[in-house]
Amino acid sequence: MLRFYKDLYWDDNIPQKKQNQIKWRLKVLKPSKSYFVITLNEGTDQLDIYNSQIFMQKYFKKQPKTVIGIAASYDGALDIIMRITQECYQTNQNGDLKTYLAQKLND
């Protein structure tokens, strides 16, 4: 099951008019095209990048993931992570992305 971050980050290469459809298809676990999904890491790491097709596996139906961003390509996913990291450093003067993203929800 996927949960979506309130202020979801999108790759600039994904048109705004397609974003709701992509999000819905990921939510029902039927992605029609491969996208790269950025999620919070469950352990000590910060963020993970997955190909959206991996969420078709049974394991992910039982393991909730929080989606932070969606990109059309792996490079787009890296750009989103760089954007989050820059915002985090400008705000908190550190690289703790999980704390920064949680703070953004509380603002």
PDB file of N, CA and C in Angstrom:
ATOM      1  N   MET A   1       0.841  -1.174   0.000  1.00  0.00           N
ATOM      2  CA  MET A   1       0.000   0.000   0.000  1.00  0.00           C
ATOM      3  C   MET A   1       0.892   1.244   0.000  1.00  0.00           C
ATOM      4  N   LEU A   2       0.514   2.204  -0.784  1.00  0.00           N
ATOM      5  CA  LEU A   2       1.278   3.448  -0.874  1.00  0.00           C
ATOM      6  C   LEU A   2       0.503   4.583  -0.206  1.00  0.00           C
ATOM      7  N   ARG A   3       1.252   5.377   0.538  1.00  0.00           N
ATOM      8  CA  ARG A   3       0.714   6.624   1.091  1.00  0.00           C
ATOM      9  C   ARG A   3       1.459   7.747   0.386  1.00  0.00           C
ATOM     10  N   PHE A   4       0.787   8.852   0.174  1.00  0.00           N
ATOM     11  CA  PHE A   4       1.401   9.954  -0.556  1.00  0.00           C
ATOM     12  C   PHE A   4       1.642  11.142   0.369  1.00  0.00           C
ATOM     13  N   TYR A   5       2.836  11.682   0.287  1.00  0.00           N
ATOM     14  CA  TYR A   5       3.225  12.879   1.015  1.00  0.00           C
ATOM     15  C   TYR A   5       2.316  14.031   0.599  1.00  0.00           C
ATOM     16  N   LYS A   6       1.927  14.849   1.548  1.00  0.00           N
ATOM     17  CA  LYS A   6       0.989  15.937   1.272  1.00  0.00           C
ATOM     18  C   LYS A   6       1.489  16.881   0.181  1.00  0.00           C
ATOM     19  N   ASP A   7       2.750  17.268   0.253  1.00  0.00           N
ATOM     20  CA  ASP A   7       3.344  18.162  -0.750  1.00  0.00           C
ATOM     21  C   ASP A   7       4.236  17.337  -1.682  1.00  0.00           C
ATOM     22  N   LEU A   8       3.622  16.443  -2.427  1.00  0.00           N
ATOM     23  CA  LEU A   8       4.333  15.519  -3.293  1.00  0.00           C
ATOM     24  C   LEU A   8       5.226  16.271  -4.285  1.00  0.00           C
ATOM     25  N   TYR A   9       6.452  15.800  -4.434  1.00  0.00           N
ATOM     26  CA  TYR A   9       7.394  16.384  -5.387  1.00  0.00           C
ATOM     27  C   TYR A   9       7.205  15.694  -6.733  1.00  0.00           C
ATOM     28  N   TRP A  10       7.152  16.478  -7.803  1.00  0.00           N
ATOM     29  CA  TRP A  10       6.979  15.959  -9.155  1.00  0.00           C
ATOM     30  C   TRP A  10       8.147  16.376 -10.031  1.00  0.00           C
ATOM     31  N   ASP A  11       8.527  15.481 -10.901  1.00  0.00           N
ATOM     32  CA  ASP A  11       9.529  15.751 -11.919  1.00  0.00           C
ATOM     33  C   ASP A  11       8.944  16.772 -12.898  1.00  0.00           C
ATOM     34  N   ASP A  12       9.766  17.700 -13.355  1.00  0.00           N
ATOM     35  CA  ASP A  12       9.314  18.717 -14.313  1.00  0.00           C
ATOM     36  C   ASP A  12       8.898  18.102 -15.648  1.00  0.00           C
ATOM     37  N   ASN A  13       9.321  16.869 -15.927  1.00  0.00           N
ATOM     38  CA  ASN A  13       8.988  16.214 -17.191  1.00  0.00           C
ATOM     39  C   ASN A  13       7.633  15.511 -17.170  1.00  0.00           C
ATOM     40  N   ILE A  14       6.925  15.587 -16.056  1.00  0.00           N
ATOM     41  CA  ILE A  14       5.585  15.006 -15.969  1.00  0.00           C
ATOM     42  C   ILE A  14       4.582  16.148 -16.021  1.00  0.00           C
ATOM     43  N   PRO A  15       3.740  16.190 -17.052  1.00  0.00           N
ATOM     44  CA  PRO A  15       2.762  17.275 -17.167  1.00  0.00           C
ATOM     45  C   PRO A  15       1.766  17.261 -16.002  1.00  0.00           C
ATOM     46  N   GLN A  16       1.388  18.442 -15.559  1.00  0.00           N
ATOM     47  CA  GLN A  16       0.483  18.563 -14.422  1.00  0.00           C
ATOM     48  C   GLN A  16      -0.850  17.858 -14.675  1.00  0.00           C
ATOM     49  N   LYS A  17      -1.307  17.868 -15.923  1.00  0.00           N
ATOM     50  CA  LYS A  17      -2.601  17.255 -16.219  1.00  0.00           C
ATOM     51  C   LYS A  17      -2.576  15.729 -16.078  1.00  0.00           C
ATOM     52  N   LYS A  18      -1.398  15.115 -16.063  1.00  0.00           N
ATOM     53  CA  LYS A  18      -1.284  13.663 -15.908  1.00  0.00           C
ATOM     54  C   LYS A  18      -0.997  13.235 -14.469  1.00  0.00           C
ATOM     55  N   GLN A  19      -0.707  14.169 -13.611  1.00  0.00           N
ATOM     56  CA  GLN A  19      -0.268  13.829 -12.260  1.00  0.00           C
ATOM     57  C   GLN A  19      -1.316  13.066 -11.458  1.00  0.00           C
ATOM     58  N   ASN A  20      -2.573  13.489 -11.502  1.00  0.00           N
ATOM     59  CA  ASN A  20      -3.610  12.788 -10.743  1.00  0.00           C
ATOM     60  C   ASN A  20      -3.800  11.359 -11.240  1.00  0.00           C
ATOM     61  N   GLN A  21      -3.738  11.171 -12.552  1.00  0.00           N
ATOM     62  CA  GLN A  21      -3.897   9.836 -13.117  1.00  0.00           C
ATOM     63  C   GLN A  21      -2.739   8.927 -12.696  1.00  0.00           C
ATOM     64  N   ILE A  22      -1.534   9.436 -12.739  1.00  0.00           N
ATOM     65  CA  ILE A  22      -0.354   8.659 -12.335  1.00  0.00           C
ATOM     66  C   ILE A  22      -0.460   8.281 -10.860  1.00  0.00           C
ATOM     67  N   LYS A  23      -0.834   9.240 -10.048  1.00  0.00           N
ATOM     68  CA  LYS A  23      -0.974   8.998  -8.607  1.00  0.00           C
ATOM     69  C   LYS A  23      -2.043   7.929  -8.346  1.00  0.00           C
ATOM     70  N   TRP A  24      -3.175   8.022  -9.041  1.00  0.00           N
ATOM     71  CA  TRP A  24      -4.244   7.043  -8.863  1.00  0.00           C
ATOM     72  C   TRP A  24      -3.784   5.650  -9.274  1.00  0.00           C
ATOM     73  N   ARG A  25      -3.090   5.559 -10.425  1.00  0.00           N
ATOM     74  CA  ARG A  25      -2.632   4.260 -10.904  1.00  0.00           C
ATOM     75  C   ARG A  25      -1.626   3.637  -9.934  1.00  0.00           C
ATOM     76  N   LEU A  26      -0.792   4.450  -9.337  1.00  0.00           N
ATOM     77  CA  LEU A  26       0.138   3.926  -8.334  1.00  0.00           C
ATOM     78  C   LEU A  26      -0.617   3.472  -7.088  1.00  0.00           C
ATOM     79  N   LYS A  27      -1.631   4.222  -6.713  1.00  0.00           N
ATOM     80  CA  LYS A  27      -2.404   3.889  -5.512  1.00  0.00           C
ATOM     81  C   LYS A  27      -3.123   2.552  -5.658  1.00  0.00           C
ATOM     82  N   VAL A  28      -3.656   2.275  -6.836  1.00  0.00           N
ATOM     83  CA  VAL A  28      -4.338   0.997  -7.062  1.00  0.00           C
ATOM     84  C   VAL A  28      -3.362  -0.070  -7.565  1.00  0.00           C
ATOM     85  N   LEU A  29      -2.091   0.253  -7.572  1.00  0.00           N
ATOM     86  CA  LEU A  29      -1.009  -0.663  -7.938  1.00  0.00           C
ATOM     87  C   LEU A  29      -1.148  -1.207  -9.354  1.00  0.00           C
ATOM     88  N   LYS A  30      -1.505  -0.332 -10.278  1.00  0.00           N
ATOM     89  CA  LYS A  30      -1.599  -0.704 -11.690  1.00  0.00           C
ATOM     90  C   LYS A  30      -0.921   0.351 -12.558  1.00  0.00           C
ATOM     91  N   PRO A  31       0.375   0.577 -12.348  1.00  0.00           N
ATOM     92  CA  PRO A  31       1.050   1.579 -13.184  1.00  0.00           C
ATOM     93  C   PRO A  31       1.093   1.134 -14.638  1.00  0.00           C
ATOM     94  N   SER A  32       0.722   2.030 -15.532  1.00  0.00           N
ATOM     95  CA  SER A  32       0.703   1.680 -16.952  1.00  0.00           C
ATOM     96  C   SER A  32       2.059   1.929 -17.600  1.00  0.00           C
ATOM     97  N   LYS A  33       2.833   2.795 -17.008  1.00  0.00           N
ATOM     98  CA  LYS A  33       4.151   3.151 -17.528  1.00  0.00           C
ATOM     99  C   LYS A  33       5.124   3.148 -16.359  1.00  0.00           C
ATOM    100  N   SER A  34       6.371   2.944 -16.640  1.00  0.00           N
ATOM    101  CA  SER A  34       7.378   2.974 -15.587  1.00  0.00           C
ATOM    102  C   SER A  34       7.676   4.401 -15.164  1.00  0.00           C
ATOM    103  N   TYR A  35       7.570   4.640 -13.887  1.00  0.00           N
ATOM    104  CA  TYR A  35       7.985   5.897 -13.287  1.00  0.00           C
ATOM    105  C   TYR A  35       8.951   5.554 -12.170  1.00  0.00           C
ATOM    106  N   PHE A  36       9.647   6.543 -11.694  1.00  0.00           N
ATOM    107  CA  PHE A  36      10.553   6.336 -10.577  1.00  0.00           C
ATOM    108  C   PHE A  36       9.951   7.024  -9.367  1.00  0.00           C
ATOM    109  N   VAL A  37       9.790   6.242  -8.305  1.00  0.00           N
ATOM    110  CA  VAL A  37       9.083   6.680  -7.121  1.00  0.00           C
ATOM    111  C   VAL A  37      10.092   6.838  -5.987  1.00  0.00           C
ATOM    112  N   ILE A  38      10.059   7.995  -5.345  1.00  0.00           N
ATOM    113  CA  ILE A  38      10.947   8.283  -4.214  1.00  0.00           C
ATOM    114  C   ILE A  38      10.138   8.081  -2.945  1.00  0.00           C
ATOM    115  N   THR A  39      10.644   7.221  -2.053  1.00  0.00           N
ATOM    116  CA  THR A  39       9.936   6.930  -0.814  1.00  0.00           C
ATOM    117  C   THR A  39      10.842   7.174   0.389  1.00  0.00           C
ATOM    118  N   LEU A  40      10.209   7.322   1.552  1.00  0.00           N
ATOM    119  CA  LEU A  40      10.971   7.387   2.792  1.00  0.00           C
ATOM    120  C   LEU A  40      11.521   6.002   3.082  1.00  0.00           C
ATOM    121  N   ASN A  41      12.758   5.932   3.523  1.00  0.00           N
ATOM    122  CA  ASN A  41      13.359   4.671   3.902  1.00  0.00           C
ATOM    123  C   ASN A  41      12.865   4.300   5.295  1.00  0.00           C
ATOM    124  N   GLU A  42      12.586   3.022   5.487  1.00  0.00           N
ATOM    125  CA  GLU A  42      12.071   2.547   6.777  1.00  0.00           C
ATOM    126  C   GLU A  42      13.180   2.469   7.837  1.00  0.00           C
ATOM    127  N   GLY A  43      14.420   2.353   7.407  1.00  0.00           N
ATOM    128  CA  GLY A  43      15.536   2.194   8.335  1.00  0.00           C
ATOM    129  C   GLY A  43      16.260   3.504   8.592  1.00  0.00           C
ATOM    130  N   THR A  44      17.576   3.403   8.654  1.00  0.00           N
ATOM    131  CA  THR A  44      18.390   4.564   8.988  1.00  0.00           C
ATOM    132  C   THR A  44      18.733   5.422   7.778  1.00  0.00           C
ATOM    133  N   ASP A  45      18.584   4.863   6.572  1.00  0.00           N
ATOM    134  CA  ASP A  45      18.820   5.675   5.380  1.00  0.00           C
ATOM    135  C   ASP A  45      17.705   6.701   5.256  1.00  0.00           C
ATOM    136  N   GLN A  46      17.835   7.609   4.294  1.00  0.00           N
ATOM    137  CA  GLN A  46      16.881   8.705   4.194  1.00  0.00           C
ATOM    138  C   GLN A  46      15.774   8.428   3.184  1.00  0.00           C
ATOM    139  N   LEU A  47      16.164   8.272   1.909  1.00  0.00           N
ATOM    140  CA  LEU A  47      15.183   8.096   0.845  1.00  0.00           C
ATOM    141  C   LEU A  47      15.589   6.930  -0.054  1.00  0.00           C
ATOM    142  N   ASP A  48      14.592   6.318  -0.683  1.00  0.00           N
ATOM    143  CA  ASP A  48      14.826   5.241  -1.638  1.00  0.00           C
ATOM    144  C   ASP A  48      14.217   5.628  -2.978  1.00  0.00           C
ATOM    145  N   ILE A  49      14.772   5.088  -4.056  1.00  0.00           N
ATOM    146  CA  ILE A  49      14.204   5.259  -5.394  1.00  0.00           C
ATOM    147  C   ILE A  49      13.828   3.875  -5.908  1.00  0.00           C
ATOM    148  N   TYR A  50      12.565   3.741  -6.315  1.00  0.00           N
ATOM    149  CA  TYR A  50      12.063   2.482  -6.871  1.00  0.00           C
ATOM    150  C   TYR A  50      11.494   2.735  -8.260  1.00  0.00           C
ATOM    151  N   ASN A  51      11.595   1.723  -9.115  1.00  0.00           N
ATOM    152  CA  ASN A  51      10.843   1.738 -10.352  1.00  0.00           C
ATOM    153  C   ASN A  51       9.409   1.382  -9.967  1.00  0.00           C
ATOM    154  N   SER A  52       8.440   2.079 -10.505  1.00  0.00           N
ATOM    155  CA  SER A  52       7.044   1.885 -10.107  1.00  0.00           C
ATOM    156  C   SER A  52       6.545   0.470 -10.345  1.00  0.00           C
ATOM    157  N   GLN A  53       7.124  -0.245 -11.284  1.00  0.00           N
ATOM    158  CA  GLN A  53       6.692  -1.611 -11.576  1.00  0.00           C
ATOM    159  C   GLN A  53       6.931  -2.566 -10.398  1.00  0.00           C
ATOM    160  N   ILE A  54       7.880  -2.232  -9.538  1.00  0.00           N
ATOM    161  CA  ILE A  54       8.179  -3.112  -8.405  1.00  0.00           C
ATOM    162  C   ILE A  54       7.017  -3.183  -7.421  1.00  0.00           C
ATOM    163  N   PHE A  55       6.166  -2.179  -7.407  1.00  0.00           N
ATOM    164  CA  PHE A  55       5.037  -2.158  -6.478  1.00  0.00           C
ATOM    165  C   PHE A  55       3.945  -3.151  -6.867  1.00  0.00           C
ATOM    166  N   MET A  56       4.091  -3.825  -7.992  1.00  0.00           N
ATOM    167  CA  MET A  56       3.154  -4.861  -8.408  1.00  0.00           C
ATOM    168  C   MET A  56       3.381  -6.153  -7.609  1.00  0.00           C
ATOM    169  N   GLN A  57       4.521  -6.274  -6.946  1.00  0.00           N
ATOM    170  CA  GLN A  57       4.820  -7.463  -6.163  1.00  0.00           C
ATOM    171  C   GLN A  57       3.963  -7.521  -4.902  1.00  0.00           C
ATOM    172  N   LYS A  58       3.607  -8.729  -4.477  1.00  0.00           N
ATOM    173  CA  LYS A  58       2.749  -8.923  -3.306  1.00  0.00           C
ATOM    174  C   LYS A  58       3.347  -8.308  -2.045  1.00  0.00           C
ATOM    175  N   TYR A  59       4.662  -8.353  -1.933  1.00  0.00           N
ATOM    176  CA  TYR A  59       5.337  -7.808  -0.754  1.00  0.00           C
ATOM    177  C   TYR A  59       4.919  -6.368  -0.483  1.00  0.00           C
ATOM    178  N   PHE A  60       4.832  -5.568  -1.527  1.00  0.00           N
ATOM    179  CA  PHE A  60       4.543  -4.149  -1.350  1.00  0.00           C
ATOM    180  C   PHE A  60       3.073  -3.875  -1.053  1.00  0.00           C
ATOM    181  N   LYS A  61       2.214  -4.846  -1.285  1.00  0.00           N
ATOM    182  CA  LYS A  61       0.804  -4.674  -0.933  1.00  0.00           C
ATOM    183  C   LYS A  61       0.617  -4.696   0.577  1.00  0.00           C
ATOM    184  N   LYS A  62       1.543  -5.371   1.269  1.00  0.00           N
ATOM    185  CA  LYS A  62       1.463  -5.483   2.726  1.00  0.00           C
ATOM    186  C   LYS A  62       2.418  -4.539   3.446  1.00  0.00           C
ATOM    187  N   GLN A  63       3.379  -3.986   2.739  1.00  0.00           N
ATOM    188  CA  GLN A  63       4.382  -3.107   3.335  1.00  0.00           C
ATOM    189  C   GLN A  63       4.115  -1.667   2.906  1.00  0.00           C
ATOM    190  N   PRO A  64       3.566  -0.850   3.792  1.00  0.00           N
ATOM    191  CA  PRO A  64       3.270   0.533   3.399  1.00  0.00           C
ATOM    192  C   PRO A  64       4.542   1.336   3.126  1.00  0.00           C
ATOM    193  N   LYS A  65       4.475   2.141   2.106  1.00  0.00           N
ATOM    194  CA  LYS A  65       5.571   3.055   1.745  1.00  0.00           C
ATOM    195  C   LYS A  65       4.984   4.453   1.627  1.00  0.00           C
ATOM    196  N   THR A  66       5.747   5.442   2.054  1.00  0.00           N
ATOM    197  CA  THR A  66       5.334   6.830   1.913  1.00  0.00           C
ATOM    198  C   THR A  66       6.049   7.421   0.711  1.00  0.00           C
ATOM    199  N   VAL A  67       5.268   7.789  -0.298  1.00  0.00           N
ATOM    200  CA  VAL A  67       5.819   8.342  -1.534  1.00  0.00           C
ATOM    201  C   VAL A  67       6.055   9.839  -1.338  1.00  0.00           C
ATOM    202  N   ILE A  68       7.286  10.261  -1.585  1.00  0.00           N
ATOM    203  CA  ILE A  68       7.681  11.660  -1.451  1.00  0.00           C
ATOM    204  C   ILE A  68       7.690  12.350  -2.807  1.00  0.00           C
ATOM    205  N   GLY A  69       8.063  11.612  -3.857  1.00  0.00           N
ATOM    206  CA  GLY A  69       8.155  12.207  -5.182  1.00  0.00           C
ATOM    207  C   GLY A  69       8.001  11.177  -6.281  1.00  0.00           C
ATOM    208  N   ILE A  70       7.636  11.679  -7.472  1.00  0.00           N
ATOM    209  CA  ILE A  70       7.473  10.823  -8.645  1.00  0.00           C
ATOM    210  C   ILE A  70       8.186  11.486  -9.812  1.00  0.00           C
ATOM    211  N   ALA A  71       8.975  10.678 -10.518  1.00  0.00           N
ATOM    212  CA  ALA A  71       9.754  11.199 -11.641  1.00  0.00           C
ATOM    213  C   ALA A  71       9.570  10.313 -12.870  1.00  0.00           C
ATOM    214  N   ALA A  72       9.783  10.907 -14.038  1.00  0.00           N
ATOM    215  CA  ALA A  72       9.665  10.173 -15.298  1.00  0.00           C
ATOM    216  C   ALA A  72      10.914   9.346 -15.587  1.00  0.00           C
ATOM    217  N   SER A  73      12.040   9.695 -14.979  1.00  0.00           N
ATOM    218  CA  SER A  73      13.294   8.986 -15.226  1.00  0.00           C
ATOM    219  C   SER A  73      14.106   8.922 -13.936  1.00  0.00           C
ATOM    220  N   TYR A  74      15.119   8.077 -13.949  1.00  0.00           N
ATOM    221  CA  TYR A  74      15.993   7.975 -12.782  1.00  0.00           C
ATOM    222  C   TYR A  74      16.698   9.310 -12.527  1.00  0.00           C
ATOM    223  N   ASP A  75      17.159   9.950 -13.602  1.00  0.00           N
ATOM    224  CA  ASP A  75      17.802  11.264 -13.454  1.00  0.00           C
ATOM    225  C   ASP A  75      16.843  12.280 -12.856  1.00  0.00           C
ATOM    226  N   GLY A  76      15.570  12.209 -13.257  1.00  0.00           N
ATOM    227  CA  GLY A  76      14.559  13.098 -12.690  1.00  0.00           C
ATOM    228  C   GLY A  76      14.384  12.855 -11.199  1.00  0.00           C
ATOM    229  N   ALA A  77      14.452  11.581 -10.792  1.00  0.00           N
ATOM    230  CA  ALA A  77      14.354  11.246  -9.367  1.00  0.00           C
ATOM    231  C   ALA A  77      15.545  11.814  -8.600  1.00  0.00           C
ATOM    232  N   LEU A  78      16.732  11.712  -9.183  1.00  0.00           N
ATOM    233  CA  LEU A  78      17.920  12.290  -8.538  1.00  0.00           C
ATOM    234  C   LEU A  78      17.794  13.807  -8.426  1.00  0.00           C
ATOM    235  N   ASP A  79      17.227  14.453  -9.445  1.00  0.00           N
ATOM    236  CA  ASP A  79      17.003  15.904  -9.395  1.00  0.00           C
ATOM    237  C   ASP A  79      16.058  16.274  -8.255  1.00  0.00           C
ATOM    238  N   ILE A  80      15.012  15.474  -8.064  1.00  0.00           N
ATOM    239  CA  ILE A  80      14.074  15.743  -6.968  1.00  0.00           C
ATOM    240  C   ILE A  80      14.780  15.602  -5.627  1.00  0.00           C
ATOM    241  N   ILE A  81      15.592  14.575  -5.470  1.00  0.00           N
ATOM    242  CA  ILE A  81      16.325  14.388  -4.212  1.00  0.00           C
ATOM    243  C   ILE A  81      17.290  15.546  -3.980  1.00  0.00           C
ATOM    244  N   MET A  82      17.933  16.005  -5.036  1.00  0.00           N
ATOM    245  CA  MET A  82      18.820  17.174  -4.899  1.00  0.00           C
ATOM    246  C   MET A  82      18.023  18.406  -4.481  1.00  0.00           C
ATOM    247  N   ARG A  83      16.838  18.591  -5.053  1.00  0.00           N
ATOM    248  CA  ARG A  83      15.987  19.730  -4.701  1.00  0.00           C
ATOM    249  C   ARG A  83      15.581  19.660  -3.218  1.00  0.00           C
ATOM    250  N   ILE A  84      15.175  18.478  -2.761  1.00  0.00           N
ATOM    251  CA  ILE A  84      14.799  18.299  -1.359  1.00  0.00           C
ATOM    252  C   ILE A  84      15.999  18.575  -0.458  1.00  0.00           C
ATOM    253  N   THR A  85      17.168  18.076  -0.846  1.00  0.00           N
ATOM    254  CA  THR A  85      18.381  18.275  -0.050  1.00  0.00           C
ATOM    255  C   THR A  85      18.752  19.751   0.045  1.00  0.00           C
ATOM    256  N   GLN A  86      18.649  20.479  -1.073  1.00  0.00           N
ATOM    257  CA  GLN A  86      18.945  21.917  -1.050  1.00  0.00           C
ATOM    258  C   GLN A  86      17.967  22.665  -0.154  1.00  0.00           C
ATOM    259  N   GLU A  87      16.670  22.341  -0.256  1.00  0.00           N
ATOM    260  CA  GLU A  87      15.670  22.982   0.600  1.00  0.00           C
ATOM    261  C   GLU A  87      15.965  22.688   2.069  1.00  0.00           C
ATOM    262  N   CYS A  88      16.317  21.435   2.359  1.00  0.00           N
ATOM    263  CA  CYS A  88      16.620  21.025   3.732  1.00  0.00           C
ATOM    264  C   CYS A  88      17.814  21.793   4.274  1.00  0.00           C
ATOM    265  N   TYR A  89      18.869  21.877   3.476  1.00  0.00           N
ATOM    266  CA  TYR A  89      20.073  22.579   3.940  1.00  0.00           C
ATOM    267  C   TYR A  89      19.808  24.068   4.140  1.00  0.00           C
ATOM    268  N   GLN A  90      19.053  24.686   3.251  1.00  0.00           N
ATOM    269  CA  GLN A  90      18.739  26.110   3.392  1.00  0.00           C
ATOM    270  C   GLN A  90      17.888  26.373   4.631  1.00  0.00           C
ATOM    271  N   THR A  91      17.021  25.438   4.969  1.00  0.00           N
ATOM    272  CA  THR A  91      16.129  25.623   6.111  1.00  0.00           C
ATOM    273  C   THR A  91      16.785  25.243   7.435  1.00  0.00           C
ATOM    274  N   ASN A  92      17.431  24.066   7.484  1.00  0.00           N
ATOM    275  CA  ASN A  92      17.931  23.531   8.751  1.00  0.00           C
ATOM    276  C   ASN A  92      19.445  23.501   8.886  1.00  0.00           C
ATOM    277  N   GLN A  93      20.157  23.842   7.824  1.00  0.00           N
ATOM    278  CA  GLN A  93      21.620  23.806   7.829  1.00  0.00           C
ATOM    279  C   GLN A  93      22.160  22.400   8.115  1.00  0.00           C
ATOM    280  N   ASN A  94      21.404  21.369   7.690  1.00  0.00           N
ATOM    281  CA  ASN A  94      21.882  19.994   7.819  1.00  0.00           C
ATOM    282  C   ASN A  94      21.295  19.150   6.696  1.00  0.00           C
ATOM    283  N   GLY A  95      21.593  17.876   6.699  1.00  0.00           N
ATOM    284  CA  GLY A  95      21.130  16.986   5.649  1.00  0.00           C
ATOM    285  C   GLY A  95      20.130  15.948   6.132  1.00  0.00           C
ATOM    286  N   ASP A  96      19.439  16.220   7.234  1.00  0.00           N
ATOM    287  CA  ASP A  96      18.458  15.280   7.773  1.00  0.00           C
ATOM    288  C   ASP A  96      17.137  15.444   7.030  1.00  0.00           C
ATOM    289  N   LEU A  97      17.008  14.721   5.925  1.00  0.00           N
ATOM    290  CA  LEU A  97      15.852  14.886   5.045  1.00  0.00           C
ATOM    291  C   LEU A  97      14.559  14.426   5.692  1.00  0.00           C
ATOM    292  N   LYS A  98      14.599  13.357   6.464  1.00  0.00           N
ATOM    293  CA  LYS A  98      13.381  12.860   7.114  1.00  0.00           C
ATOM    294  C   LYS A  98      12.796  13.894   8.065  1.00  0.00           C
ATOM    295  N   THR A  99      13.644  14.513   8.868  1.00  0.00           N
ATOM    296  CA  THR A  99      13.179  15.540   9.798  1.00  0.00           C
ATOM    297  C   THR A  99      12.640  16.744   9.040  1.00  0.00           C
ATOM    298  N   TYR A 100      13.327  17.153   7.986  1.00  0.00           N
ATOM    299  CA  TYR A 100      12.883  18.290   7.180  1.00  0.00           C
ATOM    300  C   TYR A 100      11.506  18.035   6.570  1.00  0.00           C
ATOM    301  N   LEU A 101      11.314  16.862   5.995  1.00  0.00           N
ATOM    302  CA  LEU A 101      10.034  16.537   5.376  1.00  0.00           C
ATOM    303  C   LEU A 101       8.917  16.483   6.419  1.00  0.00           C
ATOM    304  N   ALA A 102       9.218  15.968   7.611  1.00  0.00           N
ATOM    305  CA  ALA A 102       8.226  15.951   8.692  1.00  0.00           C
ATOM    306  C   ALA A 102       7.884  17.372   9.135  1.00  0.00           C
ATOM    307  N   GLN A 103       8.894  18.246   9.204  1.00  0.00           N
ATOM    308  CA  GLN A 103       8.657  19.650   9.577  1.00  0.00           C
ATOM    309  C   GLN A 103       7.770  20.345   8.577  1.00  0.00           C
ATOM    310  N   LYS A 104       7.975  20.049   7.289  1.00  0.00           N
ATOM    311  CA  LYS A 104       7.164  20.672   6.246  1.00  0.00           C
ATOM    312  C   LYS A 104       5.682  20.329   6.416  1.00  0.00           C
ATOM    313  N   LEU A 105       5.412  19.130   6.871  1.00  0.00           N
ATOM    314  CA  LEU A 105       4.017  18.723   7.100  1.00  0.00           C
ATOM    315  C   LEU A 105       3.385  19.495   8.242  1.00  0.00           C
ATOM    316  N   ASN A 106       4.206  19.857   9.240  1.00  0.00           N
ATOM    317  CA  ASN A 106       3.689  20.548  10.426  1.00  0.00           C
ATOM    318  C   ASN A 106       3.585  22.052  10.249  1.00  0.00           C
ATOM    319  N   ASP A 107       4.176  22.608   9.192  1.00  0.00           N
ATOM    320  CA  ASP A 107       4.135  24.062   8.968  1.00  0.00           C
ATOM    321  C   ASP A 107       2.781  24.494   8.441  1.00  0.00           C
TER     322      ASP A 107
END
